[in-house]
Amino acid sequence: MTVSQGKTNDAGLVDVAQQRFVVMEKDFLGSDAMLERKPSRLIAPLISEGADTDALIGKAVLIEGQYVGSIISVGFDHIVGKLLTIALLDR
């Protein structure tokens, strides 16, 4: 896996499994579209290996040189001593 500059994140609530926070009893613009939308991406937790690993939100995730998704969250875990990232991967 290689990380480089990439596409911007344009995920919807369904893509990041956050639709549970929407109050569906309220009428709002886009509610029907949100209910009909199927997740177009997968959420993938990643553990970065190596001391020189650089992961930033919005950077692309590449496998064998091919774009497969982008990073949406990054944090260093002091217990495991590694950089943990969450990526949205294209299906």
C-alpha atoms as a PDB file:
ATOM      1  CA  MET A   1       0.000   0.000   0.000  1.00  0.00           C
ATOM      2  CA  THR A   2       1.258   3.456  -0.919  1.00  0.00           C
ATOM      3  CA  VAL A   3      -0.207   6.785   0.124  1.00  0.00           C
ATOM      4  CA  SER A   4      -0.059   9.811  -2.176  1.00  0.00           C
ATOM      5  CA  GLN A   5      -2.063  12.889  -3.162  1.00  0.00           C
ATOM      6  CA  GLY A   6      -5.477  11.916  -4.435  1.00  0.00           C
ATOM      7  CA  LYS A   7      -9.123  12.686  -4.911  1.00  0.00           C
ATOM      8  CA  THR A   8     -11.147  14.604  -2.376  1.00  0.00           C
ATOM      9  CA  ASN A   9     -13.530  12.843  -0.032  1.00  0.00           C
ATOM     10  CA  ASP A  10     -17.117  13.160  -1.214  1.00  0.00           C
ATOM     11  CA  ALA A  11     -18.710  10.533   0.998  1.00  0.00           C
ATOM     12  CA  GLY A  12     -22.325  10.662   2.044  1.00  0.00           C
ATOM     13  CA  LEU A  13     -23.799   9.618   5.379  1.00  0.00           C
ATOM     14  CA  VAL A  14     -24.489   6.090   4.113  1.00  0.00           C
ATOM     15  CA  ASP A  15     -20.882   5.658   2.926  1.00  0.00           C
ATOM     16  CA  VAL A  16     -19.535   6.333   6.407  1.00  0.00           C
ATOM     17  CA  ALA A  17     -22.365   4.555   8.308  1.00  0.00           C
ATOM     18  CA  GLN A  18     -23.601   7.757   9.988  1.00  0.00           C
ATOM     19  CA  GLN A  19     -27.258   7.713   8.904  1.00  0.00           C
ATOM     20  CA  ARG A  20     -28.245   6.626  12.417  1.00  0.00           C
ATOM     21  CA  PHE A  21     -27.672  10.223  13.541  1.00  0.00           C
ATOM     22  CA  VAL A  22     -30.341  11.608  11.212  1.00  0.00           C
ATOM     23  CA  VAL A  23     -33.811  12.227  12.620  1.00  0.00           C
ATOM     24  CA  MET A  24     -35.930  10.746   9.829  1.00  0.00           C
ATOM     25  CA  GLU A  25     -39.183  11.998  11.386  1.00  0.00           C
ATOM     26  CA  LYS A  26     -38.182  15.510  10.298  1.00  0.00           C
ATOM     27  CA  ASP A  27     -38.707  16.482   6.700  1.00  0.00           C
ATOM     28  CA  PHE A  28     -35.505  17.701   5.068  1.00  0.00           C
ATOM     29  CA  LEU A  29     -34.178  18.204   1.576  1.00  0.00           C
ATOM     30  CA  GLY A  30     -32.488  15.021   0.353  1.00  0.00           C
ATOM     31  CA  SER A  31     -34.090  12.578   2.811  1.00  0.00           C
ATOM     32  CA  ASP A  32     -35.491  10.342   0.038  1.00  0.00           C
ATOM     33  CA  ALA A  33     -32.164  10.270  -1.782  1.00  0.00           C
ATOM     34  CA  MET A  34     -30.329   9.380   1.415  1.00  0.00           C
ATOM     35  CA  LEU A  35     -32.670   6.443   2.117  1.00  0.00           C
ATOM     36  CA  GLU A  36     -32.341   5.120  -1.437  1.00  0.00           C
ATOM     37  CA  ARG A  37     -28.553   5.439  -1.582  1.00  0.00           C
ATOM     38  CA  LYS A  38     -26.483   2.289  -1.262  1.00  0.00           C
ATOM     39  CA  PRO A  39     -22.934   2.552   0.112  1.00  0.00           C
ATOM     40  CA  SER A  40     -20.554   3.127  -2.785  1.00  0.00           C
ATOM     41  CA  ARG A  41     -17.420   2.690  -0.681  1.00  0.00           C
ATOM     42  CA  LEU A  42     -16.065   0.438   2.040  1.00  0.00           C
ATOM     43  CA  ILE A  43     -14.702   1.672   5.359  1.00  0.00           C
ATOM     44  CA  ALA A  44     -11.246   0.173   5.972  1.00  0.00           C
ATOM     45  CA  PRO A  45      -9.070   0.528   9.074  1.00  0.00           C
ATOM     46  CA  LEU A  46      -5.354   0.597   8.184  1.00  0.00           C
ATOM     47  CA  ILE A  47      -2.233   0.270  10.318  1.00  0.00           C
ATOM     48  CA  SER A  48       0.785   2.051   8.869  1.00  0.00           C
ATOM     49  CA  GLU A  49       4.100   0.234   8.959  1.00  0.00           C
ATOM     50  CA  GLY A  50       7.514   1.883   8.955  1.00  0.00           C
ATOM     51  CA  ALA A  51       8.987   4.944  10.616  1.00  0.00           C
ATOM     52  CA  ASP A  52       8.756   7.163   7.515  1.00  0.00           C
ATOM     53  CA  THR A  53       5.052   6.569   6.862  1.00  0.00           C
ATOM     54  CA  ASP A  54       3.138   9.763   6.149  1.00  0.00           C
ATOM     55  CA  ALA A  55      -0.660   9.642   6.103  1.00  0.00           C
ATOM     56  CA  LEU A  56      -2.785  12.755   5.828  1.00  0.00           C
ATOM     57  CA  ILE A  57      -6.532  13.180   5.506  1.00  0.00           C
ATOM     58  CA  GLY A  58      -7.476  13.397   1.833  1.00  0.00           C
ATOM     59  CA  LYS A  59      -4.447  11.518   0.535  1.00  0.00           C
ATOM     60  CA  ALA A  60      -5.007   8.648  -1.873  1.00  0.00           C
ATOM     61  CA  VAL A  61      -4.565   4.983  -0.988  1.00  0.00           C
ATOM     62  CA  LEU A  62      -2.842   3.076  -3.782  1.00  0.00           C
ATOM     63  CA  ILE A  63      -2.413  -0.661  -4.207  1.00  0.00           C
ATOM     64  CA  GLU A  64       0.167  -1.640  -6.821  1.00  0.00           C
ATOM     65  CA  GLY A  65       0.013   1.908  -8.212  1.00  0.00           C
ATOM     66  CA  GLN A  66      -3.772   1.904  -8.651  1.00  0.00           C
ATOM     67  CA  TYR A  67      -6.046   4.337  -6.795  1.00  0.00           C
ATOM     68  CA  VAL A  68      -8.391   2.403  -4.478  1.00  0.00           C
ATOM     69  CA  GLY A  69      -9.602   5.089  -2.065  1.00  0.00           C
ATOM     70  CA  SER A  70      -8.672   7.943   0.226  1.00  0.00           C
ATOM     71  CA  ILE A  71      -7.882   8.553   3.889  1.00  0.00           C
ATOM     72  CA  ILE A  72     -10.612  10.129   6.038  1.00  0.00           C
ATOM     73  CA  SER A  73      -9.066   9.899   9.521  1.00  0.00           C
ATOM     74  CA  VAL A  74      -5.556   9.613  10.963  1.00  0.00           C
ATOM     75  CA  GLY A  75      -4.242   9.185  14.489  1.00  0.00           C
ATOM     76  CA  PHE A  76      -1.207   7.820  16.299  1.00  0.00           C
ATOM     77  CA  ASP A  77      -1.937   5.019  18.775  1.00  0.00           C
ATOM     78  CA  HIS A  78       0.509   5.180  21.670  1.00  0.00           C
ATOM     79  CA  ILE A  79      -0.368   1.674  22.865  1.00  0.00           C
ATOM     80  CA  VAL A  80       0.570  -0.086  19.623  1.00  0.00           C
ATOM     81  CA  GLY A  81       3.060   2.635  18.653  1.00  0.00           C
ATOM     82  CA  LYS A  82       1.751   2.967  15.092  1.00  0.00           C
ATOM     83  CA  LEU A  83      -0.148   5.365  12.890  1.00  0.00           C
ATOM     84  CA  LEU A  84      -3.764   4.246  12.484  1.00  0.00           C
ATOM     85  CA  THR A  85      -5.865   5.445   9.577  1.00  0.00           C
ATOM     86  CA  ILE A  86      -9.396   4.967   8.320  1.00  0.00           C
ATOM     87  CA  ALA A  87      -9.863   4.940   4.567  1.00  0.00           C
ATOM     88  CA  LEU A  88     -12.841   4.913   2.244  1.00  0.00           C
ATOM     89  CA  LEU A  89     -12.159   2.371  -0.495  1.00  0.00           C
ATOM     90  CA  ASP A  90     -13.988   2.219  -3.821  1.00  0.00           C
ATOM     91  CA  ARG A  91     -15.982  -0.950  -4.404  1.00  0.00           C
END
